[in-house]
Amino acid sequence: MSNQITDTLIQNCPVRNILAHICGKWSLLVIYVMHQNGNIRFNTLNRAIPDISQKVLTSTLRSLEADGFVTRQVYAEVPPRVVYSLTDRARSFIPVVENMIAWAQSNMTEILKDRNKKL
């Protein structure tokens, strides 16, 4: 096995750590919805992904912010207005997400057939 593959399989590997964050259940979807909508407020994002809870969306946004994929801008208004936007890092990741979506769309029918064989 090459060193690169071995390093990727090791638990403390930074690549594995990053992929675990970015490939979480909601992260890719949140990034993609933000890409489609530009700067977005929390409630708008929550409505765009109706099956995510507010708690999970908050947690996902915090994680994406901590990893430098999302910025959070708070405006000193009453009530405070908060706007989320993608960073350059996230925008550079969009082609990867779009390729994953295209791959999923082109393979979805066959994958669903295979799943149904097991049931």
Protein backbone atom coordinates (compact mmCIF):
# COMPACT_ATOMS: atom_id res chain seq x y z
CA MET A 1 0.00 0.00 0.00
CA SER A 2 1.34 3.45 -0.86
CA ASN A 3 2.12 5.93 1.93
CA GLN A 4 -0.65 8.23 0.73
CA ILE A 5 -3.27 5.49 1.04
CA THR A 6 -1.90 4.33 4.39
CA ASP A 7 -1.93 7.89 5.72
CA THR A 8 -5.55 8.36 4.60
CA LEU A 9 -6.64 5.26 6.53
CA ILE A 10 -4.93 6.29 9.76
CA GLN A 11 -7.42 7.65 12.29
CA ASN A 12 -5.59 10.92 13.01
CA CYS A 13 -5.06 11.69 9.33
CA PRO A 14 -6.01 15.31 8.51
CA VAL A 15 -7.59 14.26 5.20
CA ARG A 16 -9.84 11.79 6.98
CA ASN A 17 -10.72 14.45 9.55
CA ILE A 18 -11.64 17.04 6.93
CA LEU A 19 -13.65 14.58 4.85
CA ALA A 20 -15.57 13.46 7.94
CA HIS A 21 -16.61 17.08 8.55
CA ILE A 22 -17.41 18.09 5.00
CA CYS A 23 -19.16 14.83 4.10
CA GLY A 24 -21.45 14.85 7.11
CA LYS A 25 -25.14 14.27 6.56
CA TRP A 26 -25.99 17.96 6.01
CA SER A 27 -22.76 19.83 5.19
CA LEU A 28 -22.72 19.25 1.44
CA LEU A 29 -26.39 20.15 1.12
CA VAL A 30 -25.98 23.33 3.17
CA ILE A 31 -22.99 24.39 1.06
CA TYR A 32 -24.84 23.68 -2.17
CA VAL A 33 -28.01 25.53 -1.11
CA MET A 34 -25.89 28.50 -0.05
CA HIS A 35 -24.12 28.39 -3.41
CA GLN A 36 -27.46 28.52 -5.21
CA ASN A 37 -28.81 31.37 -3.06
CA GLY A 38 -25.77 33.54 -2.37
CA ASN A 39 -25.74 35.37 0.96
CA ILE A 40 -28.52 33.86 3.00
CA ARG A 41 -30.24 34.31 6.33
CA PHE A 42 -30.74 31.42 8.73
CA ASN A 43 -34.52 31.14 8.33
CA THR A 44 -34.26 31.24 4.53
CA LEU A 45 -31.68 28.47 4.63
CA ASN A 46 -33.83 26.49 7.07
CA ARG A 47 -36.85 26.80 4.75
CA ALA A 48 -34.74 25.71 1.76
CA ILE A 49 -33.87 22.48 3.61
CA PRO A 50 -37.18 21.64 5.29
CA ASP A 51 -36.13 18.31 6.80
CA ILE A 52 -33.22 19.73 8.82
CA SER A 53 -33.93 20.86 12.37
CA GLN A 54 -32.87 24.31 13.55
CA LYS A 55 -30.53 22.71 16.07
CA VAL A 56 -28.77 20.58 13.43
CA LEU A 57 -28.60 23.50 10.98
CA THR A 58 -27.03 25.67 13.68
CA SER A 59 -24.50 22.95 14.49
CA THR A 60 -23.70 22.40 10.80
CA LEU A 61 -23.21 26.13 10.18
CA ARG A 62 -20.92 26.41 13.22
CA SER A 63 -18.85 23.48 12.00
CA LEU A 64 -18.62 24.93 8.49
CA GLU A 65 -17.67 28.30 9.95
CA ALA A 66 -14.98 26.71 12.13
CA ASP A 67 -13.54 24.97 9.05
CA GLY A 68 -13.52 28.21 7.05
CA PHE A 69 -16.28 27.30 4.59
CA VAL A 70 -18.87 29.81 5.84
CA THR A 71 -18.75 33.31 7.25
CA ARG A 72 -21.35 34.73 9.60
CA GLN A 73 -22.04 38.46 9.48
CA VAL A 74 -24.10 39.97 12.30
CA TYR A 75 -25.67 43.37 11.65
CA ALA A 76 -26.33 45.67 14.61
CA GLU A 77 -30.05 46.04 14.06
CA VAL A 78 -33.08 45.37 16.23
CA PRO A 79 -33.67 42.49 15.97
CA PRO A 80 -30.12 41.51 14.95
CA ARG A 81 -29.81 40.36 11.36
CA VAL A 82 -27.39 37.50 10.62
CA VAL A 83 -26.28 36.63 7.10
CA TYR A 84 -24.26 33.59 6.12
CA SER A 85 -22.09 33.38 3.04
CA LEU A 86 -19.62 31.01 1.46
CA THR A 87 -15.91 31.72 1.66
CA ASP A 88 -13.45 31.37 -1.20
CA ARG A 89 -12.56 27.95 0.23
CA ALA A 90 -16.17 26.80 -0.09
CA ARG A 91 -16.52 28.29 -3.56
CA SER A 92 -13.42 26.37 -4.65
CA PHE A 93 -15.15 23.21 -3.37
CA ILE A 94 -18.33 23.74 -5.43
CA PRO A 95 -16.99 22.01 -8.60
CA VAL A 96 -16.33 18.90 -6.49
CA VAL A 97 -19.89 19.03 -5.11
CA GLU A 98 -21.34 19.53 -8.60
CA ASN A 99 -19.34 16.54 -9.89
CA MET A 100 -20.67 14.43 -7.01
CA ILE A 101 -24.24 15.52 -7.82
CA ALA A 102 -23.77 14.71 -11.51
CA TRP A 103 -22.31 11.31 -10.64
CA ALA A 104 -25.21 10.55 -8.26
CA GLN A 105 -27.78 11.58 -10.86
CA SER A 106 -26.22 9.43 -13.57
CA ASN A 107 -25.94 6.38 -11.28
CA MET A 108 -29.09 6.77 -9.21
CA THR A 109 -31.30 4.41 -11.21
CA GLU A 110 -28.83 1.54 -11.11
CA ILE A 111 -28.01 2.07 -7.45
CA LEU A 112 -31.70 2.03 -6.52
CA LYS A 113 -32.16 -1.17 -8.54
CA ASP A 114 -29.29 -2.79 -6.65
CA ARG A 115 -30.72 -1.67 -3.31
CA ASN A 116 -34.11 -3.12 -4.18
CA LYS A 117 -32.51 -6.50 -5.01
CA LYS A 118 -31.37 -6.73 -1.38
CA LEU A 119 -34.84 -6.05 -0.01
